[in-house]
Amino acid sequence: MKNEKLNLTVGHAFELFLTGLEKPMRLNEMRIMKEPNYTKLRQLIRDPVKNGDLLIRYLLLNSDKLGIPYNSFHMVHESFWDLYCKKPAS
């Protein structure tokens, strides 16, 4: 069964990160990411200023006010990217 694509809005910093890798990647392309690049990616997605999606940025900045503990939100958000990058770290 084929899954539909999940569309996410990412910031320019994310695209610059992918194109600046030793083996550059395009948006919507993914392969297993090795260290130290994977750690850099996790730092990038944790930074609300560099996040392109306004809803995710709002959640990153206000999760505690919404009743979602800061670390819990990051665990769920980063777990998605861990799966996407085929490298679970959570």
PDB file of N, CA and C in Angstrom:
ATOM      1  N   MET A   1       0.840  -1.159   0.000  1.00  0.00           N
ATOM      2  CA  MET A   1       0.000   0.000   0.000  1.00  0.00           C
ATOM      3  C   MET A   1       0.898   1.239   0.000  1.00  0.00           C
ATOM      4  N   LYS A   2       0.636   2.167  -0.877  1.00  0.00           N
ATOM      5  CA  LYS A   2       1.456   3.363  -0.976  1.00  0.00           C
ATOM      6  C   LYS A   2       0.897   4.461  -0.081  1.00  0.00           C
ATOM      7  N   ASN A   3       1.778   5.107   0.673  1.00  0.00           N
ATOM      8  CA  ASN A   3       1.377   6.205   1.552  1.00  0.00           C
ATOM      9  C   ASN A   3       1.426   7.527   0.807  1.00  0.00           C
ATOM     10  N   GLU A   4       0.555   8.436   1.206  1.00  0.00           N
ATOM     11  CA  GLU A   4       0.618   9.778   0.662  1.00  0.00           C
ATOM     12  C   GLU A   4       1.801  10.511   1.280  1.00  0.00           C
ATOM     13  N   LYS A   5       2.325  11.495   0.556  1.00  0.00           N
ATOM     14  CA  LYS A   5       3.442  12.274   1.065  1.00  0.00           C
ATOM     15  C   LYS A   5       2.959  13.215   2.160  1.00  0.00           C
ATOM     16  N   LEU A   6       3.800  13.404   3.138  1.00  0.00           N
ATOM     17  CA  LEU A   6       3.538  14.346   4.210  1.00  0.00           C
ATOM     18  C   LEU A   6       4.277  15.634   3.877  1.00  0.00           C
ATOM     19  N   ASN A   7       3.558  16.715   3.716  1.00  0.00           N
ATOM     20  CA  ASN A   7       4.174  17.992   3.379  1.00  0.00           C
ATOM     21  C   ASN A   7       4.461  18.789   4.637  1.00  0.00           C
ATOM     22  N   LEU A   8       5.708  19.207   4.783  1.00  0.00           N
ATOM     23  CA  LEU A   8       6.123  20.059   5.886  1.00  0.00           C
ATOM     24  C   LEU A   8       6.791  21.299   5.317  1.00  0.00           C
ATOM     25  N   THR A   9       6.638  22.389   6.001  1.00  0.00           N
ATOM     26  CA  THR A   9       7.327  23.608   5.617  1.00  0.00           C
ATOM     27  C   THR A   9       8.594  23.683   6.454  1.00  0.00           C
ATOM     28  N   VAL A  10       9.714  23.821   5.792  1.00  0.00           N
ATOM     29  CA  VAL A  10      10.988  23.928   6.502  1.00  0.00           C
ATOM     30  C   VAL A  10      11.587  25.293   6.200  1.00  0.00           C
ATOM     31  N   GLY A  11      12.473  25.735   7.053  1.00  0.00           N
ATOM     32  CA  GLY A  11      13.112  27.031   6.877  1.00  0.00           C
ATOM     33  C   GLY A  11      14.264  26.971   5.892  1.00  0.00           C
ATOM     34  N   HIS A  12      14.727  28.152   5.530  1.00  0.00           N
ATOM     35  CA  HIS A  12      15.862  28.244   4.605  1.00  0.00           C
ATOM     36  C   HIS A  12      17.112  27.603   5.205  1.00  0.00           C
ATOM     37  N   ALA A  13      17.260  27.694   6.513  1.00  0.00           N
ATOM     38  CA  ALA A  13      18.429  27.105   7.176  1.00  0.00           C
ATOM     39  C   ALA A  13      18.470  25.591   6.952  1.00  0.00           C
ATOM     40  N   PHE A  14      17.297  24.951   6.935  1.00  0.00           N
ATOM     41  CA  PHE A  14      17.224  23.501   6.702  1.00  0.00           C
ATOM     42  C   PHE A  14      17.696  23.166   5.285  1.00  0.00           C
ATOM     43  N   GLU A  15      17.210  23.934   4.311  1.00  0.00           N
ATOM     44  CA  GLU A  15      17.617  23.703   2.927  1.00  0.00           C
ATOM     45  C   GLU A  15      19.117  23.970   2.745  1.00  0.00           C
ATOM     46  N   LEU A  16      19.620  25.043   3.345  1.00  0.00           N
ATOM     47  CA  LEU A  16      21.051  25.344   3.257  1.00  0.00           C
ATOM     48  C   LEU A  16      21.890  24.247   3.898  1.00  0.00           C
ATOM     49  N   PHE A  17      21.387  23.698   4.997  1.00  0.00           N
ATOM     50  CA  PHE A  17      22.089  22.603   5.657  1.00  0.00           C
ATOM     51  C   PHE A  17      22.193  21.403   4.719  1.00  0.00           C
ATOM     52  N   LEU A  18      21.073  21.023   4.094  1.00  0.00           N
ATOM     53  CA  LEU A  18      21.072  19.855   3.200  1.00  0.00           C
ATOM     54  C   LEU A  18      21.973  20.061   1.992  1.00  0.00           C
ATOM     55  N   THR A  19      21.917  21.244   1.400  1.00  0.00           N
ATOM     56  CA  THR A  19      22.730  21.492   0.200  1.00  0.00           C
ATOM     57  C   THR A  19      24.192  21.714   0.541  1.00  0.00           C
ATOM     58  N   GLY A  20      24.502  22.009   1.805  1.00  0.00           N
ATOM     59  CA  GLY A  20      25.881  22.226   2.216  1.00  0.00           C
ATOM     60  C   GLY A  20      26.596  20.978   2.698  1.00  0.00           C
ATOM     61  N   LEU A  21      25.927  19.839   2.684  1.00  0.00           N
ATOM     62  CA  LEU A  21      26.563  18.586   3.106  1.00  0.00           C
ATOM     63  C   LEU A  21      27.624  18.163   2.102  1.00  0.00           C
ATOM     64  N   GLU A  22      28.540  17.308   2.554  1.00  0.00           N
ATOM     65  CA  GLU A  22      29.590  16.798   1.667  1.00  0.00           C
ATOM     66  C   GLU A  22      28.974  16.141   0.425  1.00  0.00           C
ATOM     67  N   LYS A  23      27.920  15.363   0.654  1.00  0.00           N
ATOM     68  CA  LYS A  23      27.119  14.809  -0.438  1.00  0.00           C
ATOM     69  C   LYS A  23      25.771  15.504  -0.365  1.00  0.00           C
ATOM     70  N   PRO A  24      25.602  16.635  -1.070  1.00  0.00           N
ATOM     71  CA  PRO A  24      24.387  17.441  -0.933  1.00  0.00           C
ATOM     72  C   PRO A  24      23.113  16.647  -1.215  1.00  0.00           C
ATOM     73  N   MET A  25      22.043  17.071  -0.516  1.00  0.00           N
ATOM     74  CA  MET A  25      20.726  16.481  -0.721  1.00  0.00           C
ATOM     75  C   MET A  25      19.761  17.584  -1.107  1.00  0.00           C
ATOM     76  N   ARG A  26      18.743  17.211  -1.857  1.00  0.00           N
ATOM     77  CA  ARG A  26      17.669  18.141  -2.191  1.00  0.00           C
ATOM     78  C   ARG A  26      16.573  17.994  -1.149  1.00  0.00           C
ATOM     79  N   LEU A  27      15.683  18.986  -1.104  1.00  0.00           N
ATOM     80  CA  LEU A  27      14.517  18.844  -0.241  1.00  0.00           C
ATOM     81  C   LEU A  27      13.719  17.627  -0.695  1.00  0.00           C
ATOM     82  N   ASN A  28      13.072  16.969   0.221  1.00  0.00           N
ATOM     83  CA  ASN A  28      12.267  15.760  -0.019  1.00  0.00           C
ATOM     84  C   ASN A  28      13.113  14.553  -0.399  1.00  0.00           C
ATOM     85  N   GLU A  29      14.394  14.629  -0.194  1.00  0.00           N
ATOM     86  CA  GLU A  29      15.280  13.488  -0.408  1.00  0.00           C
ATOM     87  C   GLU A  29      15.885  13.165   0.950  1.00  0.00           C
ATOM     88  N   MET A  30      16.010  11.892   1.266  1.00  0.00           N
ATOM     89  CA  MET A  30      16.602  11.548   2.547  1.00  0.00           C
ATOM     90  C   MET A  30      17.370  10.251   2.402  1.00  0.00           C
ATOM     91  N   ARG A  31      18.436  10.196   3.127  1.00  0.00           N
ATOM     92  CA  ARG A  31      19.228   8.976   3.261  1.00  0.00           C
ATOM     93  C   ARG A  31      19.713   8.923   4.698  1.00  0.00           C
ATOM     94  N   ILE A  32      20.323   7.839   5.083  1.00  0.00           N
ATOM     95  CA  ILE A  32      20.820   7.729   6.450  1.00  0.00           C
ATOM     96  C   ILE A  32      21.877   8.805   6.668  1.00  0.00           C
ATOM     97  N   MET A  33      21.712   9.553   7.731  1.00  0.00           N
ATOM     98  CA  MET A  33      22.613  10.659   8.014  1.00  0.00           C
ATOM     99  C   MET A  33      23.580  10.244   9.121  1.00  0.00           C
ATOM    100  N   LYS A  34      24.845  10.509   8.908  1.00  0.00           N
ATOM    101  CA  LYS A  34      25.880  10.121   9.864  1.00  0.00           C
ATOM    102  C   LYS A  34      26.269  11.307  10.728  1.00  0.00           C
ATOM    103  N   GLU A  35      26.947  11.003  11.818  1.00  0.00           N
ATOM    104  CA  GLU A  35      27.476  12.049  12.696  1.00  0.00           C
ATOM    105  C   GLU A  35      28.658  12.715  11.997  1.00  0.00           C
ATOM    106  N   PRO A  36      28.941  13.959  12.233  1.00  0.00           N
ATOM    107  CA  PRO A  36      28.305  14.903  13.139  1.00  0.00           C
ATOM    108  C   PRO A  36      27.111  15.622  12.503  1.00  0.00           C
ATOM    109  N   ASN A  37      26.814  15.287  11.243  1.00  0.00           N
ATOM    110  CA  ASN A  37      25.718  15.976  10.552  1.00  0.00           C
ATOM    111  C   ASN A  37      24.367  15.753  11.222  1.00  0.00           C
ATOM    112  N   TYR A  38      24.173  14.560  11.760  1.00  0.00           N
ATOM    113  CA  TYR A  38      22.885  14.267  12.380  1.00  0.00           C
ATOM    114  C   TYR A  38      22.658  15.139  13.615  1.00  0.00           C
ATOM    115  N   THR A  39      23.697  15.320  14.421  1.00  0.00           N
ATOM    116  CA  THR A  39      23.597  16.187  15.589  1.00  0.00           C
ATOM    117  C   THR A  39      23.318  17.624  15.161  1.00  0.00           C
ATOM    118  N   LYS A  40      23.943  18.074  14.087  1.00  0.00           N
ATOM    119  CA  LYS A  40      23.693  19.424  13.569  1.00  0.00           C
ATOM    120  C   LYS A  40      22.244  19.566  13.108  1.00  0.00           C
ATOM    121  N   LEU A  41      21.711  18.534  12.476  1.00  0.00           N
ATOM    122  CA  LEU A  41      20.318  18.568  12.040  1.00  0.00           C
ATOM    123  C   LEU A  41      19.387  18.672  13.245  1.00  0.00           C
ATOM    124  N   ARG A  42      19.652  17.912  14.281  1.00  0.00           N
ATOM    125  CA  ARG A  42      18.804  17.956  15.487  1.00  0.00           C
ATOM    126  C   ARG A  42      18.859  19.335  16.138  1.00  0.00           C
ATOM    127  N   GLN A  43      20.013  19.977  16.156  1.00  0.00           N
ATOM    128  CA  GLN A  43      20.119  21.331  16.701  1.00  0.00           C
ATOM    129  C   GLN A  43      19.331  22.312  15.839  1.00  0.00           C
ATOM    130  N   LEU A  44      19.359  22.117  14.545  1.00  0.00           N
ATOM    131  CA  LEU A  44      18.648  22.998  13.620  1.00  0.00           C
ATOM    132  C   LEU A  44      17.135  22.914  13.808  1.00  0.00           C
ATOM    133  N   ILE A  45      16.605  21.710  13.919  1.00  0.00           N
ATOM    134  CA  ILE A  45      15.149  21.578  14.056  1.00  0.00           C
ATOM    135  C   ILE A  45      14.660  21.987  15.444  1.00  0.00           C
ATOM    136  N   ARG A  46      15.567  22.077  16.410  1.00  0.00           N
ATOM    137  CA  ARG A  46      15.198  22.497  17.760  1.00  0.00           C
ATOM    138  C   ARG A  46      15.142  24.026  17.885  1.00  0.00           C
ATOM    139  N   ASP A  47      15.729  24.733  16.931  1.00  0.00           N
ATOM    140  CA  ASP A  47      15.797  26.194  16.982  1.00  0.00           C
ATOM    141  C   ASP A  47      14.541  26.801  16.360  1.00  0.00           C
ATOM    142  N   PRO A  48      13.677  27.451  17.161  1.00  0.00           N
ATOM    143  CA  PRO A  48      12.425  27.991  16.614  1.00  0.00           C
ATOM    144  C   PRO A  48      12.639  29.098  15.586  1.00  0.00           C
ATOM    145  N   VAL A  49      13.722  29.839  15.688  1.00  0.00           N
ATOM    146  CA  VAL A  49      13.989  30.931  14.745  1.00  0.00           C
ATOM    147  C   VAL A  49      14.254  30.383  13.346  1.00  0.00           C
ATOM    148  N   LYS A  50      14.852  29.218  13.260  1.00  0.00           N
ATOM    149  CA  LYS A  50      15.208  28.640  11.964  1.00  0.00           C
ATOM    150  C   LYS A  50      14.134  27.718  11.407  1.00  0.00           C
ATOM    151  N   ASN A  51      13.033  27.571  12.139  1.00  0.00           N
ATOM    152  CA  ASN A  51      11.967  26.683  11.690  1.00  0.00           C
ATOM    153  C   ASN A  51      11.065  27.430  10.721  1.00  0.00           C
ATOM    154  N   GLY A  52      10.776  26.845   9.577  1.00  0.00           N
ATOM    155  CA  GLY A  52       9.976  27.504   8.548  1.00  0.00           C
ATOM    156  C   GLY A  52       8.485  27.399   8.750  1.00  0.00           C
ATOM    157  N   ASP A  53       8.035  26.435   9.527  1.00  0.00           N
ATOM    158  CA  ASP A  53       6.608  26.237   9.734  1.00  0.00           C
ATOM    159  C   ASP A  53       6.145  27.078  10.923  1.00  0.00           C
ATOM    160  N   LEU A  54       5.197  27.982  10.689  1.00  0.00           N
ATOM    161  CA  LEU A  54       4.770  28.898  11.744  1.00  0.00           C
ATOM    162  C   LEU A  54       4.114  28.179  12.917  1.00  0.00           C
ATOM    163  N   LEU A  55       3.352  27.127  12.646  1.00  0.00           N
ATOM    164  CA  LEU A  55       2.706  26.384  13.733  1.00  0.00           C
ATOM    165  C   LEU A  55       3.745  25.685  14.599  1.00  0.00           C
ATOM    166  N   ILE A  56       4.700  25.013  13.978  1.00  0.00           N
ATOM    167  CA  ILE A  56       5.752  24.333  14.751  1.00  0.00           C
ATOM    168  C   ILE A  56       6.560  25.364  15.523  1.00  0.00           C
ATOM    169  N   ARG A  57       6.858  26.498  14.901  1.00  0.00           N
ATOM    170  CA  ARG A  57       7.596  27.564  15.598  1.00  0.00           C
ATOM    171  C   ARG A  57       6.819  28.014  16.840  1.00  0.00           C
ATOM    172  N   TYR A  58       5.516  28.206  16.692  1.00  0.00           N
ATOM    173  CA  TYR A  58       4.685  28.613  17.827  1.00  0.00           C
ATOM    174  C   TYR A  58       4.718  27.545  18.921  1.00  0.00           C
ATOM    175  N   LEU A  59       4.602  26.292  18.535  1.00  0.00           N
ATOM    176  CA  LEU A  59       4.640  25.206  19.517  1.00  0.00           C
ATOM    177  C   LEU A  59       6.000  25.127  20.209  1.00  0.00           C
ATOM    178  N   LEU A  60       7.073  25.332  19.448  1.00  0.00           N
ATOM    179  CA  LEU A  60       8.411  25.315  20.042  1.00  0.00           C
ATOM    180  C   LEU A  60       8.560  26.407  21.101  1.00  0.00           C
ATOM    181  N   LEU A  61       7.985  27.566  20.819  1.00  0.00           N
ATOM    182  CA  LEU A  61       8.122  28.700  21.727  1.00  0.00           C
ATOM    183  C   LEU A  61       7.133  28.668  22.897  1.00  0.00           C
ATOM    184  N   ASN A  62       5.980  28.033  22.715  1.00  0.00           N
ATOM    185  CA  ASN A  62       4.906  28.129  23.702  1.00  0.00           C
ATOM    186  C   ASN A  62       4.376  26.796  24.203  1.00  0.00           C
ATOM    187  N   SER A  63       5.135  25.741  24.072  1.00  0.00           N
ATOM    188  CA  SER A  63       4.614  24.423  24.452  1.00  0.00           C
ATOM    189  C   SER A  63       4.191  24.370  25.916  1.00  0.00           C
ATOM    190  N   ASP A  64       4.978  24.962  26.794  1.00  0.00           N
ATOM    191  CA  ASP A  64       4.623  24.938  28.226  1.00  0.00           C
ATOM    192  C   ASP A  64       3.305  25.660  28.492  1.00  0.00           C
ATOM    193  N   LYS A  65       3.070  26.772  27.808  1.00  0.00           N
ATOM    194  CA  LYS A  65       1.827  27.526  27.990  1.00  0.00           C
ATOM    195  C   LYS A  65       0.619  26.728  27.500  1.00  0.00           C
ATOM    196  N   LEU A  66       0.852  25.824  26.551  1.00  0.00           N
ATOM    197  CA  LEU A  66      -0.223  25.004  25.998  1.00  0.00           C
ATOM    198  C   LEU A  66      -0.431  23.716  26.790  1.00  0.00           C
ATOM    199  N   GLY A  67       0.366  23.525  27.832  1.00  0.00           N
ATOM    200  CA  GLY A  67       0.219  22.338  28.671  1.00  0.00           C
ATOM    201  C   GLY A  67       1.037  21.154  28.187  1.00  0.00           C
ATOM    202  N   ILE A  68       1.954  21.392  27.265  1.00  0.00           N
ATOM    203  CA  ILE A  68       2.841  20.332  26.773  1.00  0.00           C
ATOM    204  C   ILE A  68       4.226  20.612  27.328  1.00  0.00           C
ATOM    205  N   PRO A  69       4.759  19.754  28.201  1.00  0.00           N
ATOM    206  CA  PRO A  69       6.097  20.002  28.735  1.00  0.00           C
ATOM    207  C   PRO A  69       7.117  20.168  27.597  1.00  0.00           C
ATOM    208  N   TYR A  70       8.011  21.121  27.763  1.00  0.00           N
ATOM    209  CA  TYR A  70       9.009  21.466  26.750  1.00  0.00           C
ATOM    210  C   TYR A  70       9.751  20.239  26.229  1.00  0.00           C
ATOM    211  N   ASN A  71      10.278  19.434  27.144  1.00  0.00           N
ATOM    212  CA  ASN A  71      11.047  18.254  26.720  1.00  0.00           C
ATOM    213  C   ASN A  71      10.171  17.203  26.044  1.00  0.00           C
ATOM    214  N   SER A  72       8.936  17.071  26.467  1.00  0.00           N
ATOM    215  CA  SER A  72       8.026  16.109  25.827  1.00  0.00           C
ATOM    216  C   SER A  72       7.742  16.519  24.384  1.00  0.00           C
ATOM    217  N   PHE A  73       7.503  17.819  24.184  1.00  0.00           N
ATOM    218  CA  PHE A  73       7.256  18.280  22.819  1.00  0.00           C
ATOM    219  C   PHE A  73       8.453  17.993  21.934  1.00  0.00           C
ATOM    220  N   HIS A  74       9.654  18.301  22.419  1.00  0.00           N
ATOM    221  CA  HIS A  74      10.860  18.057  21.617  1.00  0.00           C
ATOM    222  C   HIS A  74      11.064  16.574  21.353  1.00  0.00           C
ATOM    223  N   MET A  75      10.751  15.733  22.320  1.00  0.00           N
ATOM    224  CA  MET A  75      10.910  14.300  22.108  1.00  0.00           C
ATOM    225  C   MET A  75      10.018  13.823  20.957  1.00  0.00           C
ATOM    226  N   VAL A  76       8.781  14.275  20.935  1.00  0.00           N
ATOM    227  CA  VAL A  76       7.861  13.867  19.871  1.00  0.00           C
ATOM    228  C   VAL A  76       8.272  14.476  18.537  1.00  0.00           C
ATOM    229  N   HIS A  77       8.575  15.769  18.529  1.00  0.00           N
ATOM    230  CA  HIS A  77       8.961  16.467  17.300  1.00  0.00           C
ATOM    231  C   HIS A  77      10.237  15.867  16.708  1.00  0.00           C
ATOM    232  N   GLU A  78      11.239  15.654  17.534  1.00  0.00           N
ATOM    233  CA  GLU A  78      12.501  15.114  17.043  1.00  0.00           C
ATOM    234  C   GLU A  78      12.386  13.639  16.675  1.00  0.00           C
ATOM    235  N   SER A  79      11.479  12.913  17.323  1.00  0.00           N
ATOM    236  CA  SER A  79      11.287  11.505  16.963  1.00  0.00           C
ATOM    237  C   SER A  79      10.797  11.360  15.532  1.00  0.00           C
ATOM    238  N   PHE A  80       9.954  12.297  15.087  1.00  0.00           N
ATOM    239  CA  PHE A  80       9.538  12.283  13.680  1.00  0.00           C
ATOM    240  C   PHE A  80      10.758  12.388  12.778  1.00  0.00           C
ATOM    241  N   TRP A  81      11.625  13.338  13.075  1.00  0.00           N
ATOM    242  CA  TRP A  81      12.813  13.522  12.238  1.00  0.00           C
ATOM    243  C   TRP A  81      13.768  12.340  12.361  1.00  0.00           C
ATOM    244  N   ASP A  82      13.815  11.712  13.533  1.00  0.00           N
ATOM    245  CA  ASP A  82      14.641  10.506  13.695  1.00  0.00           C
ATOM    246  C   ASP A  82      14.172   9.418  12.733  1.00  0.00           C
ATOM    247  N   LEU A  83      12.875   9.232  12.643  1.00  0.00           N
ATOM    248  CA  LEU A  83      12.324   8.241  11.709  1.00  0.00           C
ATOM    249  C   LEU A  83      12.603   8.639  10.269  1.00  0.00           C
ATOM    250  N   TYR A  84      12.411   9.905   9.968  1.00  0.00           N
ATOM    251  CA  TYR A  84      12.631  10.404   8.609  1.00  0.00           C
ATOM    252  C   TYR A  84      14.078  10.199   8.177  1.00  0.00           C
ATOM    253  N   CYS A  85      14.999  10.420   9.118  1.00  0.00           N
ATOM    254  CA  CYS A  85      16.442  10.283   8.814  1.00  0.00           C
ATOM    255  C   CYS A  85      16.928   8.855   8.994  1.00  0.00           C
ATOM    256  N   LYS A  86      16.032   7.971   9.379  1.00  0.00           N
ATOM    257  CA  LYS A  86      16.356   6.553   9.559  1.00  0.00           C
ATOM    258  C   LYS A  86      17.451   6.352  10.608  1.00  0.00           C
ATOM    259  N   LYS A  87      17.394   7.173  11.649  1.00  0.00           N
ATOM    260  CA  LYS A  87      18.397   7.078  12.699  1.00  0.00           C
ATOM    261  C   LYS A  87      17.788   7.474  14.040  1.00  0.00           C
ATOM    262  N   PRO A  88      17.081   6.581  14.701  1.00  0.00           N
ATOM    263  CA  PRO A  88      16.464   6.940  15.969  1.00  0.00           C
ATOM    264  C   PRO A  88      17.502   7.301  17.025  1.00  0.00           C
ATOM    265  N   ALA A  89      17.266   8.434  17.661  1.00  0.00           N
ATOM    266  CA  ALA A  89      18.166   8.872  18.736  1.00  0.00           C
ATOM    267  C   ALA A  89      17.412   9.072  20.039  1.00  0.00           C
ATOM    268  N   SER A  90      16.080   9.094  19.979  1.00  0.00           N
ATOM    269  CA  SER A  90      15.285   9.349  21.187  1.00  0.00           C
ATOM    270  C   SER A  90      15.193   8.099  22.036  1.00  0.00           C
TER     271      SER A  90
END
